[in-house]
């Protein structure tokens, strides 16, 4: 008696397509709802690097800056429907005051936790 075993391999292991532009727009809209935020600018290099600039009218505390940076990271997960999105993309973020210029920078590099630097 011969037994034939057939394995079917489906495309389930492939990652779902992410619309980075739509995710960026939704994240921008979410950030603009926050009282600390005046304007938001974003860019994507088409490969792996996502950039966000948050404009504020006044200086923020480090705790407020951390909240805003975490909001970007978490919103991107939410709006992309990909909890592991930061395993495939790098994020470069800054907060800029009209009076003082860049006051905080952060990066979320693939495989590395969010890192915040006070300028």
PDB file of N, CA and C in Angstrom:
ATOM      1  N   UNK A   1       0.835  -1.170   0.000  1.00  0.00           N
ATOM      2  CA  UNK A   1       0.000   0.000   0.000  1.00  0.00           C
ATOM      3  C   UNK A   1       0.885   1.240   0.000  1.00  0.00           C
ATOM      4  N   UNK A   2       0.705   2.077  -0.946  1.00  0.00           N
ATOM      5  CA  UNK A   2       1.462   3.325  -1.036  1.00  0.00           C
ATOM      6  C   UNK A   2       0.620   4.482  -0.500  1.00  0.00           C
ATOM      7  N   UNK A   3       1.266   5.309   0.284  1.00  0.00           N
ATOM      8  CA  UNK A   3       0.581   6.477   0.833  1.00  0.00           C
ATOM      9  C   UNK A   3       1.257   7.721   0.276  1.00  0.00           C
ATOM     10  N   UNK A   4       0.460   8.606  -0.233  1.00  0.00           N
ATOM     11  CA  UNK A   4       0.988   9.853  -0.765  1.00  0.00           C
ATOM     12  C   UNK A   4       0.572  10.981   0.173  1.00  0.00           C
ATOM     13  N   UNK A   5       1.566  11.726   0.605  1.00  0.00           N
ATOM     14  CA  UNK A   5       1.292  12.862   1.475  1.00  0.00           C
ATOM     15  C   UNK A   5       1.544  14.132   0.661  1.00  0.00           C
ATOM     16  N   UNK A   6       0.571  14.972   0.663  1.00  0.00           N
ATOM     17  CA  UNK A   6       0.655  16.204  -0.112  1.00  0.00           C
ATOM     18  C   UNK A   6       0.614  17.390   0.844  1.00  0.00           C
ATOM     19  N   UNK A   7       1.618  18.237   0.746  1.00  0.00           N
ATOM     20  CA  UNK A   7       1.645  19.449   1.551  1.00  0.00           C
ATOM     21  C   UNK A   7       1.332  20.635   0.656  1.00  0.00           C
ATOM     22  N   UNK A   8       0.409  21.415   1.101  1.00  0.00           N
ATOM     23  CA  UNK A   8       0.078  22.628   0.374  1.00  0.00           C
ATOM     24  C   UNK A   8       0.707  23.808   1.108  1.00  0.00           C
ATOM     25  N   UNK A   9       1.376  24.623   0.366  1.00  0.00           N
ATOM     26  CA  UNK A   9       1.992  25.801   0.948  1.00  0.00           C
ATOM     27  C   UNK A   9       1.214  27.009   0.444  1.00  0.00           C
ATOM     28  N   UNK A  10       0.722  27.756   1.389  1.00  0.00           N
ATOM     29  CA  UNK A  10      -0.055  28.931   0.981  1.00  0.00           C
ATOM     30  C   UNK A  10       0.764  30.189   1.191  1.00  0.00           C
ATOM     31  N   UNK A  11       0.232  31.266   0.727  1.00  0.00           N
ATOM     32  CA  UNK A  11       0.901  32.555   0.854  1.00  0.00           C
ATOM     33  C   UNK A  11       0.691  33.197   2.212  1.00  0.00           C
ATOM     34  N   UNK A  12       0.284  32.476   3.194  1.00  0.00           N
ATOM     35  CA  UNK A  12       0.004  33.041   4.509  1.00  0.00           C
ATOM     36  C   UNK A  12       1.243  33.618   5.176  1.00  0.00           C
ATOM     37  N   UNK A  13       2.382  33.114   4.833  1.00  0.00           N
ATOM     38  CA  UNK A  13       3.594  33.597   5.476  1.00  0.00           C
ATOM     39  C   UNK A  13       4.062  34.932   4.906  1.00  0.00           C
ATOM     40  N   UNK A  14       3.487  35.347   3.786  1.00  0.00           N
ATOM     41  CA  UNK A  14       3.871  36.622   3.206  1.00  0.00           C
ATOM     42  C   UNK A  14       3.269  37.764   4.006  1.00  0.00           C
ATOM     43  N   UNK A  15       3.993  38.867   4.075  1.00  0.00           N
ATOM     44  CA  UNK A  15       3.508  40.031   4.796  1.00  0.00           C
ATOM     45  C   UNK A  15       2.422  40.722   3.994  1.00  0.00           C
ATOM     46  N   UNK A  16       1.458  41.249   4.720  1.00  0.00           N
ATOM     47  CA  UNK A  16       0.399  42.015   4.062  1.00  0.00           C
ATOM     48  C   UNK A  16       1.013  43.307   3.520  1.00  0.00           C
ATOM     49  N   UNK A  17       0.495  43.735   2.397  1.00  0.00           N
ATOM     50  CA  UNK A  17       0.969  44.971   1.781  1.00  0.00           C
ATOM     51  C   UNK A  17       0.576  46.148   2.672  1.00  0.00           C
ATOM     52  N   UNK A  18       1.516  47.040   2.901  1.00  0.00           N
ATOM     53  CA  UNK A  18       1.286  48.207   3.743  1.00  0.00           C
ATOM     54  C   UNK A  18       1.241  49.443   2.852  1.00  0.00           C
ATOM     55  N   UNK A  19       0.204  50.242   3.025  1.00  0.00           N
ATOM     56  CA  UNK A  19       0.102  51.505   2.311  1.00  0.00           C
ATOM     57  C   UNK A  19       0.729  52.575   3.204  1.00  0.00           C
ATOM     58  N   UNK A  20       2.027  52.814   3.013  1.00  0.00           N
ATOM     59  CA  UNK A  20       2.769  53.748   3.860  1.00  0.00           C
ATOM     60  C   UNK A  20       2.181  55.155   3.761  1.00  0.00           C
ATOM     61  N   UNK A  21       1.813  55.583   2.569  1.00  0.00           N
ATOM     62  CA  UNK A  21       1.249  56.930   2.394  1.00  0.00           C
ATOM     63  C   UNK A  21      -0.012  57.104   3.221  1.00  0.00           C
ATOM     64  N   UNK A  22      -0.895  56.162   3.154  1.00  0.00           N
ATOM     65  CA  UNK A  22      -2.146  56.231   3.917  1.00  0.00           C
ATOM     66  C   UNK A  22      -1.869  56.172   5.420  1.00  0.00           C
ATOM     67  N   UNK A  23      -0.940  55.348   5.822  1.00  0.00           N
ATOM     68  CA  UNK A  23      -0.573  55.250   7.238  1.00  0.00           C
ATOM     69  C   UNK A  23       0.015  56.566   7.725  1.00  0.00           C
ATOM     70  N   UNK A  24       0.843  57.200   6.905  1.00  0.00           N
ATOM     71  CA  UNK A  24       1.425  58.490   7.276  1.00  0.00           C
ATOM     72  C   UNK A  24       0.342  59.556   7.415  1.00  0.00           C
ATOM     73  N   UNK A  25      -0.600  59.585   6.493  1.00  0.00           N
ATOM     74  CA  UNK A  25      -1.683  60.574   6.534  1.00  0.00           C
ATOM     75  C   UNK A  25      -2.522  60.397   7.798  1.00  0.00           C
ATOM     76  N   UNK A  26      -2.886  59.165   8.098  1.00  0.00           N
ATOM     77  CA  UNK A  26      -3.700  58.907   9.292  1.00  0.00           C
ATOM     78  C   UNK A  26      -2.936  59.251  10.568  1.00  0.00           C
ATOM     79  N   UNK A  27      -1.652  58.954  10.595  1.00  0.00           N
ATOM     80  CA  UNK A  27      -0.836  59.288  11.765  1.00  0.00           C
ATOM     81  C   UNK A  27      -0.726  60.801  11.907  1.00  0.00           C
ATOM     82  N   UNK A  28      -0.514  61.506  10.814  1.00  0.00           N
ATOM     83  CA  UNK A  28      -0.475  62.977  10.837  1.00  0.00           C
ATOM     84  C   UNK A  28      -1.773  63.538  11.412  1.00  0.00           C
ATOM     85  N   UNK A  29      -2.896  63.058  10.917  1.00  0.00           N
ATOM     86  CA  UNK A  29      -4.198  63.536  11.379  1.00  0.00           C
ATOM     87  C   UNK A  29      -4.382  63.296  12.870  1.00  0.00           C
ATOM     88  N   UNK A  30      -3.937  62.134  13.323  1.00  0.00           N
ATOM     89  CA  UNK A  30      -4.033  61.801  14.743  1.00  0.00           C
ATOM     90  C   UNK A  30      -3.185  62.757  15.590  1.00  0.00           C
ATOM     91  N   UNK A  31      -1.969  63.034  15.138  1.00  0.00           N
ATOM     92  CA  UNK A  31      -1.072  63.931  15.882  1.00  0.00           C
ATOM     93  C   UNK A  31      -1.605  65.358  15.922  1.00  0.00           C
ATOM     94  N   UNK A  32      -2.210  65.800  14.831  1.00  0.00           N
ATOM     95  CA  UNK A  32      -2.729  67.169  14.754  1.00  0.00           C
ATOM     96  C   UNK A  32      -3.867  67.415  15.746  1.00  0.00           C
ATOM     97  N   UNK A  33      -4.457  66.362  16.237  1.00  0.00           N
ATOM     98  CA  UNK A  33      -5.543  66.491  17.215  1.00  0.00           C
ATOM     99  C   UNK A  33      -5.014  66.801  18.616  1.00  0.00           C
ATOM    100  N   UNK A  34      -3.718  66.619  18.832  1.00  0.00           N
ATOM    101  CA  UNK A  34      -3.126  66.832  20.153  1.00  0.00           C
ATOM    102  C   UNK A  34      -2.855  68.315  20.372  1.00  0.00           C
ATOM    103  N   UNK A  35      -3.104  68.790  21.567  1.00  0.00           N
ATOM    104  CA  UNK A  35      -2.995  70.221  21.856  1.00  0.00           C
ATOM    105  C   UNK A  35      -1.569  70.758  21.720  1.00  0.00           C
ATOM    106  N   UNK A  36      -0.559  69.929  21.943  1.00  0.00           N
ATOM    107  CA  UNK A  36       0.828  70.382  21.859  1.00  0.00           C
ATOM    108  C   UNK A  36       1.288  70.608  20.415  1.00  0.00           C
ATOM    109  N   UNK A  37       0.621  69.989  19.475  1.00  0.00           N
ATOM    110  CA  UNK A  37       1.069  69.957  18.087  1.00  0.00           C
ATOM    111  C   UNK A  37       0.439  71.088  17.273  1.00  0.00           C
ATOM    112  N   UNK A  38       1.299  71.831  16.556  1.00  0.00           N
ATOM    113  CA  UNK A  38       0.810  72.868  15.658  1.00  0.00           C
ATOM    114  C   UNK A  38       0.727  72.336  14.226  1.00  0.00           C
ATOM    115  N   UNK A  39       1.826  71.754  13.729  1.00  0.00           N
ATOM    116  CA  UNK A  39       1.879  71.202  12.371  1.00  0.00           C
ATOM    117  C   UNK A  39       2.683  69.915  12.381  1.00  0.00           C
ATOM    118  N   UNK A  40       2.463  69.108  11.347  1.00  0.00           N
ATOM    119  CA  UNK A  40       3.201  67.861  11.180  1.00  0.00           C
ATOM    120  C   UNK A  40       3.637  67.746   9.726  1.00  0.00           C
ATOM    121  N   UNK A  41       4.876  67.364   9.504  1.00  0.00           N
ATOM    122  CA  UNK A  41       5.388  67.099   8.158  1.00  0.00           C
ATOM    123  C   UNK A  41       5.967  65.692   8.141  1.00  0.00           C
ATOM    124  N   UNK A  42       5.753  64.988   7.037  1.00  0.00           N
ATOM    125  CA  UNK A  42       6.239  63.615   6.929  1.00  0.00           C
ATOM    126  C   UNK A  42       6.911  63.387   5.580  1.00  0.00           C
ATOM    127  N   UNK A  43       7.773  62.381   5.557  1.00  0.00           N
ATOM    128  CA  UNK A  43       8.352  61.951   4.288  1.00  0.00           C
ATOM    129  C   UNK A  43       8.722  60.476   4.373  1.00  0.00           C
ATOM    130  N   UNK A  44       8.804  59.852   3.213  1.00  0.00           N
ATOM    131  CA  UNK A  44       9.185  58.447   3.099  1.00  0.00           C
ATOM    132  C   UNK A  44      10.095  58.324   1.890  1.00  0.00           C
ATOM    133  N   UNK A  45      11.234  57.669   2.064  1.00  0.00           N
ATOM    134  CA  UNK A  45      12.201  57.564   0.969  1.00  0.00           C
ATOM    135  C   UNK A  45      11.842  56.484  -0.060  1.00  0.00           C
ATOM    136  N   UNK A  46      10.730  55.798   0.157  1.00  0.00           N
ATOM    137  CA  UNK A  46      10.299  54.758  -0.781  1.00  0.00           C
ATOM    138  C   UNK A  46      10.921  53.401  -0.503  1.00  0.00           C
ATOM    139  N   UNK A  47      11.784  53.338   0.494  1.00  0.00           N
ATOM    140  CA  UNK A  47      12.442  52.073   0.820  1.00  0.00           C
ATOM    141  C   UNK A  47      12.201  51.691   2.273  1.00  0.00           C
ATOM    142  N   UNK A  48      12.962  52.300   3.196  1.00  0.00           N
ATOM    143  CA  UNK A  48      12.883  51.911   4.601  1.00  0.00           C
ATOM    144  C   UNK A  48      12.786  53.066   5.589  1.00  0.00           C
ATOM    145  N   UNK A  49      13.019  54.302   5.149  1.00  0.00           N
ATOM    146  CA  UNK A  49      13.120  55.416   6.089  1.00  0.00           C
ATOM    147  C   UNK A  49      11.880  56.309   6.077  1.00  0.00           C
ATOM    148  N   UNK A  50      11.275  56.428   7.259  1.00  0.00           N
ATOM    149  CA  UNK A  50      10.096  57.253   7.467  1.00  0.00           C
ATOM    150  C   UNK A  50      10.512  58.408   8.378  1.00  0.00           C
ATOM    151  N   UNK A  51      10.143  59.643   7.996  1.00  0.00           N
ATOM    152  CA  UNK A  51      10.522  60.806   8.791  1.00  0.00           C
ATOM    153  C   UNK A  51       9.281  61.606   9.178  1.00  0.00           C
ATOM    154  N   UNK A  52       9.288  62.090  10.414  1.00  0.00           N
ATOM    155  CA  UNK A  52       8.228  62.945  10.930  1.00  0.00           C
ATOM    156  C   UNK A  52       8.851  64.163  11.590  1.00  0.00           C
ATOM    157  N   UNK A  53       8.298  65.326  11.320  1.00  0.00           N
ATOM    158  CA  UNK A  53       8.661  66.548  12.042  1.00  0.00           C
ATOM    159  C   UNK A  53       7.378  67.097  12.657  1.00  0.00           C
ATOM    160  N   UNK A  54       7.442  67.332  13.950  1.00  0.00           N
ATOM    161  CA  UNK A  54       6.323  67.929  14.672  1.00  0.00           C
ATOM    162  C   UNK A  54       6.713  69.355  15.024  1.00  0.00           C
ATOM    163  N   UNK A  55       5.892  70.304  14.617  1.00  0.00           N
ATOM    164  CA  UNK A  55       6.112  71.710  14.957  1.00  0.00           C
ATOM    165  C   UNK A  55       5.250  72.066  16.162  1.00  0.00           C
ATOM    166  N   UNK A  56       5.892  72.748  17.125  1.00  0.00           N
ATOM    167  CA  UNK A  56       5.188  73.179  18.336  1.00  0.00           C
ATOM    168  C   UNK A  56       5.417  74.672  18.541  1.00  0.00           C
ATOM    169  N   UNK A  57       4.475  75.316  19.190  1.00  0.00           N
ATOM    170  CA  UNK A  57       4.602  76.751  19.428  1.00  0.00           C
ATOM    171  C   UNK A  57       5.429  77.067  20.668  1.00  0.00           C
ATOM    172  N   UNK A  58       5.528  76.116  21.581  1.00  0.00           N
ATOM    173  CA  UNK A  58       6.286  76.359  22.816  1.00  0.00           C
ATOM    174  C   UNK A  58       7.158  75.149  23.130  1.00  0.00           C
ATOM    175  N   UNK A  59       8.103  75.339  24.002  1.00  0.00           N
ATOM    176  CA  UNK A  59       8.987  74.249  24.404  1.00  0.00           C
ATOM    177  C   UNK A  59       8.199  73.202  25.188  1.00  0.00           C
ATOM    178  N   UNK A  60       8.506  71.943  24.940  1.00  0.00           N
ATOM    179  CA  UNK A  60       7.854  70.841  25.630  1.00  0.00           C
ATOM    180  C   UNK A  60       8.789  70.233  26.670  1.00  0.00           C
ATOM    181  N   UNK A  61       8.207  69.589  27.654  1.00  0.00           N
ATOM    182  CA  UNK A  61       9.010  68.830  28.610  1.00  0.00           C
ATOM    183  C   UNK A  61       9.472  67.550  27.925  1.00  0.00           C
ATOM    184  N   UNK A  62      10.456  66.922  28.497  1.00  0.00           N
ATOM    185  CA  UNK A  62      10.935  65.655  27.944  1.00  0.00           C
ATOM    186  C   UNK A  62       9.834  64.602  27.977  1.00  0.00           C
ATOM    187  N   UNK A  63       9.024  64.646  29.019  1.00  0.00           N
ATOM    188  CA  UNK A  63       7.920  63.694  29.143  1.00  0.00           C
ATOM    189  C   UNK A  63       6.897  63.912  28.013  1.00  0.00           C
ATOM    190  N   UNK A  64       6.587  65.162  27.678  1.00  0.00           N
ATOM    191  CA  UNK A  64       5.669  65.458  26.585  1.00  0.00           C
ATOM    192  C   UNK A  64       6.258  65.003  25.247  1.00  0.00           C
ATOM    193  N   UNK A  65       7.551  65.241  25.066  1.00  0.00           N
ATOM    194  CA  UNK A  65       8.222  64.813  23.831  1.00  0.00           C
ATOM    195  C   UNK A  65       8.186  63.295  23.702  1.00  0.00           C
ATOM    196  N   UNK A  66       8.474  62.603  24.781  1.00  0.00           N
ATOM    197  CA  UNK A  66       8.442  61.146  24.757  1.00  0.00           C
ATOM    198  C   UNK A  66       7.045  60.657  24.378  1.00  0.00           C
ATOM    199  N   UNK A  67       6.021  61.268  24.952  1.00  0.00           N
ATOM    200  CA  UNK A  67       4.641  60.898  24.618  1.00  0.00           C
ATOM    201  C   UNK A  67       4.380  61.062  23.117  1.00  0.00           C
ATOM    202  N   UNK A  68       4.802  62.189  22.542  1.00  0.00           N
ATOM    203  CA  UNK A  68       4.578  62.437  21.114  1.00  0.00           C
ATOM    204  C   UNK A  68       5.316  61.425  20.240  1.00  0.00           C
ATOM    205  N   UNK A  69       6.555  61.118  20.581  1.00  0.00           N
ATOM    206  CA  UNK A  69       7.315  60.138  19.801  1.00  0.00           C
ATOM    207  C   UNK A  69       6.680  58.751  19.900  1.00  0.00           C
ATOM    208  N   UNK A  70       6.251  58.377  21.091  1.00  0.00           N
ATOM    209  CA  UNK A  70       5.584  57.084  21.259  1.00  0.00           C
ATOM    210  C   UNK A  70       4.251  57.059  20.516  1.00  0.00           C
ATOM    211  N   UNK A  71       3.596  58.204  20.447  1.00  0.00           N
ATOM    212  CA  UNK A  71       2.336  58.307  19.713  1.00  0.00           C
ATOM    213  C   UNK A  71       2.563  58.024  18.219  1.00  0.00           C
ATOM    214  N   UNK A  72       3.667  58.538  17.672  1.00  0.00           N
ATOM    215  CA  UNK A  72       3.985  58.250  16.262  1.00  0.00           C
ATOM    216  C   UNK A  72       4.169  56.746  16.068  1.00  0.00           C
ATOM    217  N   UNK A  73       5.013  56.149  16.899  1.00  0.00           N
ATOM    218  CA  UNK A  73       5.325  54.718  16.785  1.00  0.00           C
ATOM    219  C   UNK A  73       4.048  53.884  16.906  1.00  0.00           C
ATOM    220  N   UNK A  74       3.238  54.180  17.909  1.00  0.00           N
ATOM    221  CA  UNK A  74       2.017  53.400  18.142  1.00  0.00           C
ATOM    222  C   UNK A  74       0.962  53.643  17.074  1.00  0.00           C
ATOM    223  N   UNK A  75       0.838  54.889  16.604  1.00  0.00           N
ATOM    224  CA  UNK A  75      -0.140  55.184  15.548  1.00  0.00           C
ATOM    225  C   UNK A  75       0.227  54.455  14.264  1.00  0.00           C
ATOM    226  N   UNK A  76       1.518  54.381  13.984  1.00  0.00           N
ATOM    227  CA  UNK A  76       1.949  53.669  12.775  1.00  0.00           C
ATOM    228  C   UNK A  76       1.570  52.197  12.860  1.00  0.00           C
ATOM    229  N   UNK A  77       1.724  51.605  14.018  1.00  0.00           N
ATOM    230  CA  UNK A  77       1.309  50.211  14.202  1.00  0.00           C
ATOM    231  C   UNK A  77      -0.193  50.078  13.981  1.00  0.00           C
ATOM    232  N   UNK A  78      -0.937  50.990  14.585  1.00  0.00           N
ATOM    233  CA  UNK A  78      -2.401  50.951  14.514  1.00  0.00           C
ATOM    234  C   UNK A  78      -2.901  51.130  13.080  1.00  0.00           C
ATOM    235  N   UNK A  79      -2.465  52.183  12.414  1.00  0.00           N
ATOM    236  CA  UNK A  79      -3.010  52.513  11.103  1.00  0.00           C
ATOM    237  C   UNK A  79      -2.470  51.646   9.971  1.00  0.00           C
ATOM    238  N   UNK A  80      -1.346  50.990  10.184  1.00  0.00           N
ATOM    239  CA  UNK A  80      -0.830  50.067   9.173  1.00  0.00           C
ATOM    240  C   UNK A  80      -1.401  48.672   9.352  1.00  0.00           C
ATOM    241  N   UNK A  81      -2.023  48.428  10.506  1.00  0.00           N
ATOM    242  CA  UNK A  81      -2.522  47.101  10.868  1.00  0.00           C
ATOM    243  C   UNK A  81      -1.393  46.074  10.923  1.00  0.00           C
ATOM    244  N   UNK A  82      -0.192  46.561  11.250  1.00  0.00           N
ATOM    245  CA  UNK A  82       0.988  45.697  11.341  1.00  0.00           C
ATOM    246  C   UNK A  82       1.698  45.972  12.666  1.00  0.00           C
ATOM    247  N   UNK A  83       1.508  45.119  13.642  1.00  0.00           N
ATOM    248  CA  UNK A  83       2.127  45.358  14.945  1.00  0.00           C
ATOM    249  C   UNK A  83       3.649  45.302  14.888  1.00  0.00           C
ATOM    250  N   UNK A  84       4.180  44.655  13.879  1.00  0.00           N
ATOM    251  CA  UNK A  84       5.632  44.511  13.751  1.00  0.00           C
ATOM    252  C   UNK A  84       6.205  45.420  12.665  1.00  0.00           C
ATOM    253  N   UNK A  85       5.518  46.485  12.315  1.00  0.00           N
ATOM    254  CA  UNK A  85       5.952  47.362  11.225  1.00  0.00           C
ATOM    255  C   UNK A  85       7.357  47.899  11.444  1.00  0.00           C
ATOM    256  N   UNK A  86       7.728  48.166  12.685  1.00  0.00           N
ATOM    257  CA  UNK A  86       9.048  48.748  12.962  1.00  0.00           C
ATOM    258  C   UNK A  86      10.167  47.706  12.862  1.00  0.00           C
ATOM    259  N   UNK A  87       9.832  46.463  12.486  1.00  0.00           N
ATOM    260  CA  UNK A  87      10.859  45.472  12.162  1.00  0.00           C
ATOM    261  C   UNK A  87      11.291  45.599  10.707  1.00  0.00           C
ATOM    262  N   UNK A  88      10.565  46.403   9.934  1.00  0.00           N
ATOM    263  CA  UNK A  88      10.843  46.554   8.505  1.00  0.00           C
ATOM    264  C   UNK A  88      11.195  47.978   8.086  1.00  0.00           C
ATOM    265  N   UNK A  89      10.942  48.941   8.967  1.00  0.00           N
ATOM    266  CA  UNK A  89      11.177  50.349   8.635  1.00  0.00           C
ATOM    267  C   UNK A  89      11.931  51.062   9.750  1.00  0.00           C
ATOM    268  N   UNK A  90      12.683  52.092   9.356  1.00  0.00           N
ATOM    269  CA  UNK A  90      13.357  52.971  10.310  1.00  0.00           C
ATOM    270  C   UNK A  90      12.538  54.245  10.442  1.00  0.00           C
ATOM    271  N   UNK A  91      12.445  54.765  11.651  1.00  0.00           N
ATOM    272  CA  UNK A  91      11.741  56.015  11.874  1.00  0.00           C
ATOM    273  C   UNK A  91      12.685  57.070  12.420  1.00  0.00           C
ATOM    274  N   UNK A  92      12.651  58.248  11.844  1.00  0.00           N
ATOM    275  CA  UNK A  92      13.442  59.390  12.303  1.00  0.00           C
ATOM    276  C   UNK A  92      12.471  60.527  12.579  1.00  0.00           C
ATOM    277  N   UNK A  93      12.458  61.005  13.813  1.00  0.00           N
ATOM    278  CA  UNK A  93      11.458  61.971  14.232  1.00  0.00           C
ATOM    279  C   UNK A  93      12.132  63.155  14.916  1.00  0.00           C
ATOM    280  N   UNK A  94      11.539  64.332  14.767  1.00  0.00           N
ATOM    281  CA  UNK A  94      12.009  65.453  15.579  1.00  0.00           C
ATOM    282  C   UNK A  94      10.848  66.362  15.935  1.00  0.00           C
ATOM    283  N   UNK A  95      11.085  67.122  16.983  1.00  0.00           N
ATOM    284  CA  UNK A  95      10.137  68.134  17.429  1.00  0.00           C
ATOM    285  C   UNK A  95      10.868  69.459  17.319  1.00  0.00           C
ATOM    286  N   UNK A  96      10.232  70.379  16.617  1.00  0.00           N
ATOM    287  CA  UNK A  96      10.855  71.672  16.368  1.00  0.00           C
ATOM    288  C   UNK A  96       9.957  72.780  16.898  1.00  0.00           C
ATOM    289  N   UNK A  97      10.552  73.694  17.654  1.00  0.00           N
ATOM    290  CA  UNK A  97       9.864  74.874  18.155  1.00  0.00           C
ATOM    291  C   UNK A  97      10.141  76.024  17.197  1.00  0.00           C
ATOM    292  N   UNK A  98       9.161  76.879  16.980  1.00  0.00           N
ATOM    293  CA  UNK A  98       9.358  78.036  16.099  1.00  0.00           C
ATOM    294  C   UNK A  98      10.476  78.942  16.621  1.00  0.00           C
ATOM    295  N   UNK A  99      10.581  79.073  17.932  1.00  0.00           N
ATOM    296  CA  UNK A  99      11.572  79.974  18.530  1.00  0.00           C
ATOM    297  C   UNK A  99      12.958  79.349  18.697  1.00  0.00           C
ATOM    298  N   UNK A 100      13.008  78.059  19.020  1.00  0.00           N
ATOM    299  CA  UNK A 100      14.277  77.433  19.396  1.00  0.00           C
ATOM    300  C   UNK A 100      14.838  76.444  18.381  1.00  0.00           C
ATOM    301  N   UNK A 101      14.116  76.165  17.334  1.00  0.00           N
ATOM    302  CA  UNK A 101      14.571  75.161  16.378  1.00  0.00           C
ATOM    303  C   UNK A 101      14.278  73.754  16.896  1.00  0.00           C
ATOM    304  N   UNK A 102      15.061  72.776  16.459  1.00  0.00           N
ATOM    305  CA  UNK A 102      14.851  71.385  16.879  1.00  0.00           C
ATOM    306  C   UNK A 102      15.188  71.265  18.365  1.00  0.00           C
ATOM    307  N   UNK A 103      14.212  70.777  19.142  1.00  0.00           N
ATOM    308  CA  UNK A 103      14.429  70.645  20.588  1.00  0.00           C
ATOM    309  C   UNK A 103      14.542  69.192  21.041  1.00  0.00           C
ATOM    310  N   UNK A 104      13.988  68.267  20.253  1.00  0.00           N
ATOM    311  CA  UNK A 104      14.106  66.839  20.551  1.00  0.00           C
ATOM    312  C   UNK A 104      14.221  66.074  19.233  1.00  0.00           C
ATOM    313  N   UNK A 105      14.990  65.005  19.269  1.00  0.00           N
ATOM    314  CA  UNK A 105      15.079  64.078  18.138  1.00  0.00           C
ATOM    315  C   UNK A 105      14.892  62.672  18.674  1.00  0.00           C
ATOM    316  N   UNK A 106      14.359  61.817  17.830  1.00  0.00           N
ATOM    317  CA  UNK A 106      14.194  60.416  18.209  1.00  0.00           C
ATOM    318  C   UNK A 106      14.403  59.558  16.973  1.00  0.00           C
ATOM    319  N   UNK A 107      14.790  58.336  17.223  1.00  0.00           N
ATOM    320  CA  UNK A 107      14.923  57.376  16.130  1.00  0.00           C
ATOM    321  C   UNK A 107      14.395  56.026  16.582  1.00  0.00           C
ATOM    322  N   UNK A 108      13.795  55.330  15.659  1.00  0.00           N
ATOM    323  CA  UNK A 108      13.314  53.968  15.879  1.00  0.00           C
ATOM    324  C   UNK A 108      13.894  53.147  14.740  1.00  0.00           C
ATOM    325  N   UNK A 109      15.077  52.614  14.994  1.00  0.00           N
ATOM    326  CA  UNK A 109      15.812  51.835  13.999  1.00  0.00           C
ATOM    327  C   UNK A 109      15.374  50.367  14.100  1.00  0.00           C
ATOM    328  N   UNK A 110      15.353  49.685  12.976  1.00  0.00           N
ATOM    329  CA  UNK A 110      14.981  48.274  12.944  1.00  0.00           C
ATOM    330  C   UNK A 110      15.776  47.508  13.998  1.00  0.00           C
ATOM    331  N   UNK A 111      15.045  46.811  14.876  1.00  0.00           N
ATOM    332  CA  UNK A 111      15.680  45.983  15.893  1.00  0.00           C
ATOM    333  C   UNK A 111      16.178  46.745  17.109  1.00  0.00           C
ATOM    334  N   UNK A 112      15.937  48.057  17.178  1.00  0.00           N
ATOM    335  CA  UNK A 112      16.406  48.874  18.297  1.00  0.00           C
ATOM    336  C   UNK A 112      15.207  49.621  18.892  1.00  0.00           C
ATOM    337  N   UNK A 113      15.202  49.777  20.209  1.00  0.00           N
ATOM    338  CA  UNK A 113      14.130  50.512  20.860  1.00  0.00           C
ATOM    339  C   UNK A 113      14.182  51.988  20.489  1.00  0.00           C
ATOM    340  N   UNK A 114      13.073  52.682  20.709  1.00  0.00           N
ATOM    341  CA  UNK A 114      12.986  54.116  20.471  1.00  0.00           C
ATOM    342  C   UNK A 114      14.041  54.838  21.301  1.00  0.00           C
ATOM    343  N   UNK A 115      14.807  55.707  20.638  1.00  0.00           N
ATOM    344  CA  UNK A 115      15.867  56.466  21.321  1.00  0.00           C
ATOM    345  C   UNK A 115      15.562  57.945  21.153  1.00  0.00           C
ATOM    346  N   UNK A 116      15.523  58.677  22.279  1.00  0.00           N
ATOM    347  CA  UNK A 116      15.193  60.104  22.286  1.00  0.00           C
ATOM    348  C   UNK A 116      16.401  60.898  22.749  1.00  0.00           C
ATOM    349  N   UNK A 117      16.676  62.003  22.038  1.00  0.00           N
ATOM    350  CA  UNK A 117      17.800  62.870  22.365  1.00  0.00           C
ATOM    351  C   UNK A 117      17.273  64.294  22.529  1.00  0.00           C
ATOM    352  N   UNK A 118      17.668  64.950  23.621  1.00  0.00           N
ATOM    353  CA  UNK A 118      17.348  66.355  23.835  1.00  0.00           C
ATOM    354  C   UNK A 118      18.414  67.181  23.145  1.00  0.00           C
ATOM    355  N   UNK A 119      17.998  68.181  22.391  1.00  0.00           N
ATOM    356  CA  UNK A 119      18.965  69.036  21.672  1.00  0.00           C
ATOM    357  C   UNK A 119      19.373  70.213  22.520  1.00  0.00           C
TER     358      UNK A 119
END
